[in-house]
Each structure stands twice: as structure tokens, then as C-alpha cells.
């Protein structure tokens, strides 16, 4: 509870929050602009509405709206007959042609979308077994065509990095073995 004193009626009142105090101030009977505020509210509520007919900018269908003179004169009304018309887009032939020209240079090189205008150089994979050619931007320092090739040449993928790895006792080896995934664990338990 907040105790506040109204500057207009000079009463000390209790409020739950500041919004209630603000509402009291503008509705206080001693508020200096109260008459003007009430007059404005009355005028806005009794402003007569008229029915206007419009033609949809998209499908040219006729539709009607009930508007006040003010909203009509300012242009605050829907220019379309439905939300379907207002949300759909019409592409000009010039825009379609521009998109078409842009997408002509589009191709997939090495699973990376490449656009015309970006230069790529061809490199040979540093993996002695692979030796495949791959395209890459000149600014990148990648020596391998894939993560698999890089991992093979740099000591393999990290073990014990799996989310669901677990230890399993192998009867044939007579020791515990770490399995990287639940799939490996399932195979180990199936084949014993």
C-alpha cells in the first residue's frame, strides 16, 4: 500500500500502485483540465460513423468499412478487403528478373552454397590416403576436404567425448572397455 497526497484535492489516499494514483489525479474533481478532458471524451464517443465503400488494392473486390470522418480524412483504415490480400506480395517483373540473374550463379560446391562473385580456389586434401580436390575461399587455411580426413591425419576423433559413453566389462578380453556411444554399448551387450 502506498500513501500519497493528491495535489488537487489535498487528501491523503492509499493506493496499491502508482498507476492508481495517476488515475485518481486525472479524474479528481479539482483537476484543472478535468472539464476539457471530459469534453474530449464525450466528443470522441459521439463522433458519428459512416459506411464507406472501397476497392481492394490487390484483388479489386469491393468492401465496406464503418469509419468516423476523422479516420477517413486521415486515411486510418484498411486498404485491403482481407488479411489474405494485405499479407500477399506482388513481385514486379523487374524484381523477378533481378532475382533470376542473382540465382544463376548459385551452385553447391562441397556442400557450401557459393554465389557468383565470390572467388574460390581448388586445393588438394593433405590426407595422404584421400588426396581429393576441394574448393575453398582463399582466406581460409583448411588443408583437409572434410573433418573426417583432418581427424584421421591428426590422431583421430576424440574418444570419451560422447554424451552417452559408458564402461562395459568384456568377458573375452577380461577387462573393462570404454564405449563411446549407446549404440556401441547395445552391440556389445547383444554379441556378448
C-alpha atoms as a PDB file:
ATOM      1  CA  UNK A   1       0.000   0.000   0.000  1.00  0.00           C
ATOM      2  CA  UNK A   2       1.242   3.443  -0.959  1.00  0.00           C
ATOM      3  CA  UNK A   3       0.102   6.568   0.864  1.00  0.00           C
ATOM      4  CA  UNK A   4       0.064   9.621  -1.381  1.00  0.00           C
ATOM      5  CA  UNK A   5      -1.399  13.118  -1.103  1.00  0.00           C
ATOM      6  CA  UNK A   6      -3.296  14.451  -4.109  1.00  0.00           C
ATOM      7  CA  UNK A   7      -2.025  17.915  -5.078  1.00  0.00           C
ATOM      8  CA  UNK A   8      -5.504  18.998  -6.255  1.00  0.00           C
ATOM      9  CA  UNK A   9      -7.911  17.828  -3.523  1.00  0.00           C
ATOM     10  CA  UNK A  10      -5.210  17.751  -0.788  1.00  0.00           C
ATOM     11  CA  UNK A  11      -6.482  14.377   0.532  1.00  0.00           C
ATOM     12  CA  UNK A  12      -4.154  11.610   1.717  1.00  0.00           C
ATOM     13  CA  UNK A  13      -5.190   8.401  -0.057  1.00  0.00           C
ATOM     14  CA  UNK A  14      -3.960   4.768  -0.135  1.00  0.00           C
ATOM     15  CA  UNK A  15      -3.162   3.065  -3.421  1.00  0.00           C
ATOM     16  CA  UNK A  16      -1.862  -0.364  -4.466  1.00  0.00           C
ATOM     17  CA  UNK A  17       0.434   1.124  -7.100  1.00  0.00           C
ATOM     18  CA  UNK A  18       1.419   4.363  -8.820  1.00  0.00           C
ATOM     19  CA  UNK A  19      -0.994   3.795 -11.715  1.00  0.00           C
ATOM     20  CA  UNK A  20      -3.982   4.058  -9.414  1.00  0.00           C
ATOM     21  CA  UNK A  21      -2.637   7.339  -8.055  1.00  0.00           C
ATOM     22  CA  UNK A  22      -2.218   8.683 -11.606  1.00  0.00           C
ATOM     23  CA  UNK A  23      -5.787   7.641 -12.453  1.00  0.00           C
ATOM     24  CA  UNK A  24      -7.076   9.496  -9.378  1.00  0.00           C
ATOM     25  CA  UNK A  25      -5.190  12.668 -10.328  1.00  0.00           C
ATOM     26  CA  UNK A  26      -6.668  12.976 -13.842  1.00  0.00           C
ATOM     27  CA  UNK A  27     -10.156  12.099 -12.562  1.00  0.00           C
ATOM     28  CA  UNK A  28     -10.006  14.271  -9.423  1.00  0.00           C
ATOM     29  CA  UNK A  29     -12.878  16.765  -9.215  1.00  0.00           C
ATOM     30  CA  UNK A  30     -10.388  19.600  -8.572  1.00  0.00           C
ATOM     31  CA  UNK A  31      -8.150  18.720 -11.551  1.00  0.00           C
ATOM     32  CA  UNK A  32      -7.797  21.992 -13.557  1.00  0.00           C
ATOM     33  CA  UNK A  33      -8.180  20.359 -17.002  1.00  0.00           C
ATOM     34  CA  UNK A  34     -10.997  17.996 -15.986  1.00  0.00           C
ATOM     35  CA  UNK A  35     -13.739  19.786 -17.972  1.00  0.00           C
ATOM     36  CA  UNK A  36     -11.640  19.816 -21.161  1.00  0.00           C
ATOM     37  CA  UNK A  37     -10.807  16.120 -20.696  1.00  0.00           C
ATOM     38  CA  UNK A  38     -14.478  15.136 -20.216  1.00  0.00           C
ATOM     39  CA  UNK A  39     -15.496  17.178 -23.273  1.00  0.00           C
ATOM     40  CA  UNK A  40     -12.850  15.449 -25.423  1.00  0.00           C
ATOM     41  CA  UNK A  41     -14.016  12.009 -24.251  1.00  0.00           C
ATOM     42  CA  UNK A  42     -17.663  12.860 -25.000  1.00  0.00           C
ATOM     43  CA  UNK A  43     -16.821  14.143 -28.496  1.00  0.00           C
ATOM     44  CA  UNK A  44     -14.819  11.046 -29.359  1.00  0.00           C
ATOM     45  CA  UNK A  45     -17.593   8.725 -28.186  1.00  0.00           C
ATOM     46  CA  UNK A  46     -20.399  10.510 -30.065  1.00  0.00           C
ATOM     47  CA  UNK A  47     -18.479  11.126 -33.297  1.00  0.00           C
ATOM     48  CA  UNK A  48     -20.849   9.644 -35.878  1.00  0.00           C
ATOM     49  CA  UNK A  49     -19.636   6.775 -38.011  1.00  0.00           C
ATOM     50  CA  UNK A  50     -20.451   6.443 -41.676  1.00  0.00           C
ATOM     51  CA  UNK A  51     -20.230   3.492 -44.024  1.00  0.00           C
ATOM     52  CA  UNK A  52     -17.645   3.979 -46.749  1.00  0.00           C
ATOM     53  CA  UNK A  53     -17.135   1.757 -49.786  1.00  0.00           C
ATOM     54  CA  UNK A  54     -13.628   0.956 -51.007  1.00  0.00           C
ATOM     55  CA  UNK A  55     -11.984  -1.150 -53.680  1.00  0.00           C
ATOM     56  CA  UNK A  56      -9.240  -3.603 -52.657  1.00  0.00           C
ATOM     57  CA  UNK A  57      -5.794  -2.652 -53.987  1.00  0.00           C
ATOM     58  CA  UNK A  58      -4.939  -6.313 -54.545  1.00  0.00           C
ATOM     59  CA  UNK A  59      -7.968  -8.147 -55.941  1.00  0.00           C
ATOM     60  CA  UNK A  60     -10.180  -5.127 -56.855  1.00  0.00           C
ATOM     61  CA  UNK A  61     -13.070  -6.532 -54.798  1.00  0.00           C
ATOM     62  CA  UNK A  62     -15.450  -4.047 -53.167  1.00  0.00           C
ATOM     63  CA  UNK A  63     -15.659  -3.891 -49.366  1.00  0.00           C
ATOM     64  CA  UNK A  64     -17.289  -1.622 -46.757  1.00  0.00           C
ATOM     65  CA  UNK A  65     -15.930  -0.070 -43.579  1.00  0.00           C
ATOM     66  CA  UNK A  66     -17.660   1.867 -40.825  1.00  0.00           C
ATOM     67  CA  UNK A  67     -15.443   4.886 -40.073  1.00  0.00           C
ATOM     68  CA  UNK A  68     -15.545   8.259 -38.387  1.00  0.00           C
ATOM     69  CA  UNK A  69     -14.946  11.354 -40.528  1.00  0.00           C
ATOM     70  CA  UNK A  70     -11.609  11.891 -38.829  1.00  0.00           C
ATOM     71  CA  UNK A  71     -10.288   8.380 -39.592  1.00  0.00           C
ATOM     72  CA  UNK A  72     -11.444   8.665 -43.199  1.00  0.00           C
ATOM     73  CA  UNK A  73      -9.814  12.077 -43.699  1.00  0.00           C
ATOM     74  CA  UNK A  74      -6.524  10.957 -42.147  1.00  0.00           C
ATOM     75  CA  UNK A  75      -6.541   7.634 -44.015  1.00  0.00           C
ATOM     76  CA  UNK A  76      -6.527   5.360 -40.939  1.00  0.00           C
ATOM     77  CA  UNK A  77      -8.309   2.407 -42.453  1.00  0.00           C
ATOM     78  CA  UNK A  78      -7.512  -0.857 -44.198  1.00  0.00           C
ATOM     79  CA  UNK A  79      -6.705  -0.572 -47.883  1.00  0.00           C
ATOM     80  CA  UNK A  80      -7.375  -4.274 -48.480  1.00  0.00           C
ATOM     81  CA  UNK A  81     -10.531  -6.370 -48.278  1.00  0.00           C
ATOM     82  CA  UNK A  82      -8.966  -9.122 -46.113  1.00  0.00           C
ATOM     83  CA  UNK A  83      -5.797 -10.081 -44.270  1.00  0.00           C
ATOM     84  CA  UNK A  84      -5.060 -12.577 -47.057  1.00  0.00           C
ATOM     85  CA  UNK A  85      -4.835  -9.720 -49.566  1.00  0.00           C
ATOM     86  CA  UNK A  86      -2.858  -7.446 -47.247  1.00  0.00           C
ATOM     87  CA  UNK A  87      -0.232 -10.112 -46.472  1.00  0.00           C
ATOM     88  CA  UNK A  88       0.308 -11.377 -50.008  1.00  0.00           C
ATOM     89  CA  UNK A  89       3.029  -9.853 -52.173  1.00  0.00           C
ATOM     90  CA  UNK A  90       3.120  -8.979 -55.816  1.00  0.00           C
ATOM     91  CA  UNK A  91       6.524  -9.123 -57.435  1.00  0.00           C
ATOM     92  CA  UNK A  92       7.236  -6.822 -60.349  1.00  0.00           C
ATOM     93  CA  UNK A  93       8.802  -8.263 -63.483  1.00  0.00           C
ATOM     94  CA  UNK A  94      11.911  -6.178 -62.802  1.00  0.00           C
ATOM     95  CA  UNK A  95      12.280  -7.726 -59.332  1.00  0.00           C
ATOM     96  CA  UNK A  96      11.758 -11.254 -60.706  1.00  0.00           C
ATOM     97  CA  UNK A  97      14.439 -10.655 -63.332  1.00  0.00           C
ATOM     98  CA  UNK A  98      16.869  -9.315 -60.717  1.00  0.00           C
ATOM     99  CA  UNK A  99      16.368 -12.421 -58.525  1.00  0.00           C
ATOM    100  CA  UNK A 100      16.769 -14.704 -61.520  1.00  0.00           C
ATOM    101  CA  UNK A 101      20.084 -13.086 -62.511  1.00  0.00           C
ATOM    102  CA  UNK A 102      21.370 -13.315 -58.961  1.00  0.00           C
ATOM    103  CA  UNK A 103      20.463 -17.009 -58.604  1.00  0.00           C
ATOM    104  CA  UNK A 104      22.033 -18.058 -61.923  1.00  0.00           C
ATOM    105  CA  UNK A 105      25.472 -18.072 -60.325  1.00  0.00           C
ATOM    106  CA  UNK A 106      24.258 -20.190 -57.411  1.00  0.00           C
ATOM    107  CA  UNK A 107      25.636 -23.706 -57.119  1.00  0.00           C
ATOM    108  CA  UNK A 108      26.585 -26.132 -54.369  1.00  0.00           C
ATOM    109  CA  UNK A 109      30.304 -26.690 -54.181  1.00  0.00           C
ATOM    110  CA  UNK A 110      31.453 -29.012 -51.409  1.00  0.00           C
ATOM    111  CA  UNK A 111      28.130 -28.646 -49.503  1.00  0.00           C
ATOM    112  CA  UNK A 112      28.772 -24.893 -49.165  1.00  0.00           C
ATOM    113  CA  UNK A 113      26.396 -22.608 -51.081  1.00  0.00           C
ATOM    114  CA  UNK A 114      28.530 -20.441 -53.346  1.00  0.00           C
ATOM    115  CA  UNK A 115      27.442 -17.338 -55.226  1.00  0.00           C
ATOM    116  CA  UNK A 116      28.860 -15.781 -58.352  1.00  0.00           C
ATOM    117  CA  UNK A 117      31.278 -13.029 -57.444  1.00  0.00           C
ATOM    118  CA  UNK A 118      32.962 -14.956 -54.613  1.00  0.00           C
ATOM    119  CA  UNK A 119      36.236 -16.458 -55.764  1.00  0.00           C
ATOM    120  CA  UNK A 120      37.220 -19.962 -54.714  1.00  0.00           C
ATOM    121  CA  UNK A 121      40.454 -21.815 -55.166  1.00  0.00           C
ATOM    122  CA  UNK A 122      40.938 -25.522 -55.667  1.00  0.00           C
ATOM    123  CA  UNK A 123      43.109 -27.310 -53.121  1.00  0.00           C
ATOM    124  CA  UNK A 124      44.234 -30.917 -52.734  1.00  0.00           C
ATOM    125  CA  UNK A 125      43.460 -32.646 -49.446  1.00  0.00           C
ATOM    126  CA  UNK A 126      46.582 -33.073 -47.250  1.00  0.00           C
ATOM    127  CA  UNK A 127      45.460 -36.531 -46.143  1.00  0.00           C
ATOM    128  CA  UNK A 128      47.855 -38.964 -47.916  1.00  0.00           C
ATOM    129  CA  UNK A 129      45.080 -41.524 -48.458  1.00  0.00           C
ATOM    130  CA  UNK A 130      42.387 -39.111 -49.676  1.00  0.00           C
ATOM    131  CA  UNK A 131      44.128 -36.578 -51.994  1.00  0.00           C
ATOM    132  CA  UNK A 132      40.728 -35.286 -53.215  1.00  0.00           C
ATOM    133  CA  UNK A 133      40.359 -31.831 -54.730  1.00  0.00           C
ATOM    134  CA  UNK A 134      38.051 -29.397 -52.942  1.00  0.00           C
ATOM    135  CA  UNK A 135      37.007 -25.764 -53.375  1.00  0.00           C
ATOM    136  CA  UNK A 136      37.520 -23.236 -50.602  1.00  0.00           C
ATOM    137  CA  UNK A 137      37.799 -19.487 -50.136  1.00  0.00           C
ATOM    138  CA  UNK A 138      41.425 -18.311 -50.363  1.00  0.00           C
ATOM    139  CA  UNK A 139      41.275 -16.642 -46.932  1.00  0.00           C
ATOM    140  CA  UNK A 140      40.610 -19.980 -45.154  1.00  0.00           C
ATOM    141  CA  UNK A 141      43.561 -22.101 -44.006  1.00  0.00           C
ATOM    142  CA  UNK A 142      41.843 -25.501 -44.226  1.00  0.00           C
ATOM    143  CA  UNK A 143      44.123 -28.276 -45.510  1.00  0.00           C
ATOM    144  CA  UNK A 144      41.619 -31.125 -45.456  1.00  0.00           C
ATOM    145  CA  UNK A 145      38.491 -31.752 -47.536  1.00  0.00           C
ATOM    146  CA  UNK A 146      36.439 -32.897 -44.521  1.00  0.00           C
ATOM    147  CA  UNK A 147      36.515 -33.201 -40.734  1.00  0.00           C
ATOM    148  CA  UNK A 148      36.989 -36.956 -41.105  1.00  0.00           C
ATOM    149  CA  UNK A 149      40.190 -36.508 -43.154  1.00  0.00           C
ATOM    150  CA  UNK A 150      41.560 -33.965 -40.713  1.00  0.00           C
ATOM    151  CA  UNK A 151      40.783 -36.186 -37.727  1.00  0.00           C
ATOM    152  CA  UNK A 152      42.419 -39.206 -39.383  1.00  0.00           C
ATOM    153  CA  UNK A 153      45.637 -37.303 -40.003  1.00  0.00           C
ATOM    154  CA  UNK A 154      45.719 -35.615 -36.575  1.00  0.00           C
ATOM    155  CA  UNK A 155      45.318 -38.695 -34.389  1.00  0.00           C
ATOM    156  CA  UNK A 156      41.623 -39.462 -34.880  1.00  0.00           C
ATOM    157  CA  UNK A 157      38.454 -38.189 -33.280  1.00  0.00           C
ATOM    158  CA  UNK A 158      38.479 -37.647 -29.507  1.00  0.00           C
ATOM    159  CA  UNK A 159      37.444 -40.649 -27.504  1.00  0.00           C
ATOM    160  CA  UNK A 160      35.450 -40.317 -24.277  1.00  0.00           C
ATOM    161  CA  UNK A 161      33.850 -37.208 -25.768  1.00  0.00           C
ATOM    162  CA  UNK A 162      30.466 -38.806 -26.328  1.00  0.00           C
ATOM    163  CA  UNK A 163      27.429 -37.678 -24.421  1.00  0.00           C
ATOM    164  CA  UNK A 164      26.340 -41.215 -23.521  1.00  0.00           C
ATOM    165  CA  UNK A 165      29.616 -43.116 -23.234  1.00  0.00           C
ATOM    166  CA  UNK A 166      29.912 -45.855 -20.631  1.00  0.00           C
ATOM    167  CA  UNK A 167      32.199 -48.592 -19.322  1.00  0.00           C
ATOM    168  CA  UNK A 168      31.474 -52.235 -20.201  1.00  0.00           C
ATOM    169  CA  UNK A 169      33.112 -55.413 -18.878  1.00  0.00           C
ATOM    170  CA  UNK A 170      34.220 -57.558 -21.817  1.00  0.00           C
ATOM    171  CA  UNK A 171      34.375 -61.286 -20.966  1.00  0.00           C
ATOM    172  CA  UNK A 172      36.611 -62.152 -23.935  1.00  0.00           C
ATOM    173  CA  UNK A 173      39.269 -59.571 -23.018  1.00  0.00           C
ATOM    174  CA  UNK A 174      38.711 -59.995 -19.264  1.00  0.00           C
ATOM    175  CA  UNK A 175      38.785 -56.233 -18.676  1.00  0.00           C
ATOM    176  CA  UNK A 176      36.593 -53.121 -18.733  1.00  0.00           C
ATOM    177  CA  UNK A 177      36.311 -51.272 -22.056  1.00  0.00           C
ATOM    178  CA  UNK A 178      35.049 -47.716 -22.588  1.00  0.00           C
ATOM    179  CA  UNK A 179      32.359 -47.463 -25.266  1.00  0.00           C
ATOM    180  CA  UNK A 180      31.776 -44.029 -26.826  1.00  0.00           C
ATOM    181  CA  UNK A 181      28.069 -44.340 -27.541  1.00  0.00           C
ATOM    182  CA  UNK A 182      24.911 -46.157 -26.539  1.00  0.00           C
ATOM    183  CA  UNK A 183      24.957 -47.807 -29.973  1.00  0.00           C
ATOM    184  CA  UNK A 184      28.335 -49.426 -29.199  1.00  0.00           C
ATOM    185  CA  UNK A 185      27.049 -50.498 -25.785  1.00  0.00           C
ATOM    186  CA  UNK A 186      23.972 -52.086 -27.368  1.00  0.00           C
ATOM    187  CA  UNK A 187      26.124 -54.030 -29.832  1.00  0.00           C
ATOM    188  CA  UNK A 188      28.476 -55.175 -27.070  1.00  0.00           C
ATOM    189  CA  UNK A 189      25.642 -56.472 -24.900  1.00  0.00           C
ATOM    190  CA  UNK A 190      23.970 -58.152 -27.895  1.00  0.00           C
ATOM    191  CA  UNK A 191      27.078 -60.029 -29.046  1.00  0.00           C
ATOM    192  CA  UNK A 192      28.368 -60.626 -25.519  1.00  0.00           C
END
